[in-house]
Amino acid sequence: MPAKILQIKLVRSPISCVPAHRATVKALGLRRLNAVVEHEATPSILGMVRMVSYLLDVEEKN
């Protein structure tokens, strides 16, 4: 069974956030507002998304 793919979009700026949260957004590959990246739903990616979920919009891609 193929792994789930997540579409992750940065919808809020990480400028005034905790430095660790800014680093997490950067590690996800999000460089600017409204940027969209796709990642497989691995435990590490899901943990990163959960950490900064207040900055993101996440959808599951078929």
N, C-alpha and C. Protein backbone atom coordinates (compact mmCIF):
# COMPACT_ATOMS: atom_id res chain seq x y z
N MET A 1 0.84 -1.18 0.00
CA MET A 1 0.00 0.00 0.00
C MET A 1 0.89 1.25 0.00
N PRO A 2 0.64 2.18 -0.92
CA PRO A 2 1.49 3.37 -0.98
C PRO A 2 1.31 4.26 0.23
N ALA A 3 2.37 4.98 0.56
CA ALA A 3 2.33 5.88 1.72
C ALA A 3 1.45 7.09 1.41
N LYS A 4 0.86 7.65 2.45
CA LYS A 4 0.04 8.84 2.28
C LYS A 4 0.95 10.03 1.97
N ILE A 5 0.45 10.91 1.13
CA ILE A 5 1.18 12.13 0.78
C ILE A 5 0.43 13.31 1.40
N LEU A 6 1.16 14.18 2.07
CA LEU A 6 0.57 15.37 2.67
C LEU A 6 0.98 16.60 1.87
N GLN A 7 0.02 17.47 1.60
CA GLN A 7 0.30 18.77 1.02
C GLN A 7 0.30 19.75 2.18
N ILE A 8 1.42 20.42 2.40
CA ILE A 8 1.59 21.31 3.53
C ILE A 8 1.79 22.72 3.00
N LYS A 9 0.96 23.65 3.48
CA LYS A 9 1.01 25.04 3.02
C LYS A 9 1.25 25.95 4.22
N LEU A 10 2.18 26.88 4.09
CA LEU A 10 2.48 27.86 5.14
C LEU A 10 1.49 29.01 5.01
N VAL A 11 0.62 29.19 6.01
CA VAL A 11 -0.42 30.22 5.93
C VAL A 11 -0.21 31.36 6.93
N ARG A 12 0.68 31.19 7.90
CA ARG A 12 1.00 32.26 8.84
C ARG A 12 2.51 32.40 8.93
N SER A 13 2.95 33.61 9.17
CA SER A 13 4.38 33.89 9.21
C SER A 13 5.00 33.39 10.50
N PRO A 14 6.17 32.76 10.42
CA PRO A 14 6.86 32.28 11.62
C PRO A 14 7.79 33.34 12.23
N ILE A 15 7.69 34.59 11.81
CA ILE A 15 8.62 35.63 12.26
C ILE A 15 8.64 35.79 13.78
N SER A 16 7.48 35.88 14.40
CA SER A 16 7.44 36.14 15.85
C SER A 16 7.34 34.85 16.68
N CYS A 17 7.66 33.72 16.08
CA CYS A 17 7.55 32.43 16.77
C CYS A 17 8.85 32.08 17.49
N VAL A 18 8.75 31.03 18.28
CA VAL A 18 9.90 30.47 18.97
C VAL A 18 10.93 30.03 17.92
N PRO A 19 12.21 30.24 18.15
CA PRO A 19 13.23 29.85 17.16
C PRO A 19 13.15 28.38 16.72
N ALA A 20 12.79 27.50 17.63
CA ALA A 20 12.67 26.08 17.26
C ALA A 20 11.53 25.88 16.25
N HIS A 21 10.47 26.64 16.36
CA HIS A 21 9.36 26.52 15.42
C HIS A 21 9.76 27.08 14.06
N ARG A 22 10.52 28.17 14.06
CA ARG A 22 11.01 28.72 12.80
C ARG A 22 11.91 27.70 12.09
N ALA A 23 12.75 27.03 12.85
CA ALA A 23 13.64 26.02 12.28
C ALA A 23 12.85 24.84 11.73
N THR A 24 11.77 24.47 12.40
CA THR A 24 10.93 23.37 11.93
C THR A 24 10.27 23.71 10.61
N VAL A 25 9.77 24.94 10.48
CA VAL A 25 9.15 25.38 9.23
C VAL A 25 10.18 25.32 8.10
N LYS A 26 11.38 25.77 8.39
CA LYS A 26 12.46 25.75 7.39
C LYS A 26 12.82 24.31 7.02
N ALA A 27 12.85 23.42 8.01
CA ALA A 27 13.19 22.02 7.76
C ALA A 27 12.14 21.32 6.91
N LEU A 28 10.90 21.78 7.00
CA LEU A 28 9.84 21.22 6.16
C LEU A 28 9.98 21.69 4.71
N GLY A 29 10.83 22.68 4.47
CA GLY A 29 11.03 23.16 3.11
C GLY A 29 10.17 24.35 2.75
N LEU A 30 9.56 24.98 3.75
CA LEU A 30 8.69 26.12 3.51
C LEU A 30 9.49 27.40 3.68
N ARG A 31 9.63 28.16 2.63
CA ARG A 31 10.47 29.35 2.65
C ARG A 31 9.68 30.65 2.74
N ARG A 32 8.47 30.68 2.21
CA ARG A 32 7.69 31.93 2.22
C ARG A 32 6.20 31.61 2.37
N LEU A 33 5.42 32.63 2.65
CA LEU A 33 3.98 32.44 2.83
C LEU A 33 3.36 31.86 1.57
N ASN A 34 2.37 31.02 1.77
CA ASN A 34 1.62 30.34 0.70
C ASN A 34 2.47 29.35 -0.10
N ALA A 35 3.66 29.04 0.39
CA ALA A 35 4.47 28.00 -0.25
C ALA A 35 3.85 26.65 0.07
N VAL A 36 3.88 25.74 -0.89
CA VAL A 36 3.31 24.41 -0.71
C VAL A 36 4.38 23.37 -0.97
N VAL A 37 4.49 22.41 -0.07
CA VAL A 37 5.40 21.28 -0.26
C VAL A 37 4.62 19.99 -0.05
N GLU A 38 5.15 18.90 -0.60
CA GLU A 38 4.54 17.59 -0.41
C GLU A 38 5.54 16.68 0.27
N HIS A 39 5.08 15.97 1.29
CA HIS A 39 5.91 15.02 2.02
C HIS A 39 5.11 13.76 2.28
N GLU A 40 5.82 12.64 2.40
CA GLU A 40 5.15 11.41 2.84
C GLU A 40 4.81 11.53 4.31
N ALA A 41 3.77 10.88 4.73
CA ALA A 41 3.29 10.96 6.12
C ALA A 41 4.07 10.00 7.00
N THR A 42 5.34 10.31 7.24
CA THR A 42 6.17 9.51 8.13
C THR A 42 6.01 10.06 9.56
N PRO A 43 6.37 9.28 10.57
CA PRO A 43 6.24 9.78 11.94
C PRO A 43 7.02 11.07 12.20
N SER A 44 8.19 11.22 11.61
CA SER A 44 8.96 12.44 11.84
C SER A 44 8.28 13.66 11.21
N ILE A 45 7.76 13.52 10.01
CA ILE A 45 7.06 14.62 9.35
C ILE A 45 5.78 14.96 10.11
N LEU A 46 5.05 13.95 10.55
CA LEU A 46 3.82 14.20 11.30
C LEU A 46 4.10 14.93 12.62
N GLY A 47 5.21 14.59 13.27
CA GLY A 47 5.59 15.30 14.49
C GLY A 47 5.95 16.74 14.22
N MET A 48 6.64 17.00 13.12
CA MET A 48 6.99 18.38 12.76
C MET A 48 5.73 19.18 12.44
N VAL A 49 4.80 18.57 11.72
CA VAL A 49 3.55 19.25 11.38
C VAL A 49 2.75 19.55 12.64
N ARG A 50 2.71 18.60 13.56
CA ARG A 50 1.97 18.81 14.80
C ARG A 50 2.57 19.94 15.63
N MET A 51 3.90 20.06 15.60
CA MET A 51 4.59 21.09 16.37
C MET A 51 4.23 22.50 15.91
N VAL A 52 4.09 22.71 14.61
CA VAL A 52 3.82 24.04 14.07
C VAL A 52 2.47 24.09 13.34
N SER A 53 1.51 23.30 13.80
CA SER A 53 0.22 23.21 13.12
C SER A 53 -0.53 24.54 13.07
N TYR A 54 -0.25 25.44 14.00
CA TYR A 54 -0.92 26.74 14.02
C TYR A 54 -0.45 27.65 12.90
N LEU A 55 0.61 27.26 12.19
CA LEU A 55 1.13 28.05 11.07
C LEU A 55 0.78 27.44 9.71
N LEU A 56 0.26 26.21 9.72
CA LEU A 56 0.13 25.43 8.50
C LEU A 56 -1.32 25.12 8.15
N ASP A 57 -1.49 24.78 6.87
CA ASP A 57 -2.74 24.19 6.38
C ASP A 57 -2.32 22.86 5.73
N VAL A 58 -2.84 21.75 6.23
CA VAL A 58 -2.39 20.44 5.79
C VAL A 58 -3.56 19.70 5.17
N GLU A 59 -3.33 19.13 3.98
CA GLU A 59 -4.32 18.31 3.30
C GLU A 59 -3.68 16.99 2.89
N GLU A 60 -4.48 15.94 2.89
CA GLU A 60 -4.00 14.65 2.42
C GLU A 60 -4.29 14.54 0.94
N LYS A 61 -3.26 14.21 0.18
CA LYS A 61 -3.39 14.11 -1.27
C LYS A 61 -3.64 12.65 -1.64
N ASN A 62 -4.52 12.43 -2.58
CA ASN A 62 -4.83 11.06 -3.00
C ASN A 62 -3.81 10.52 -3.94
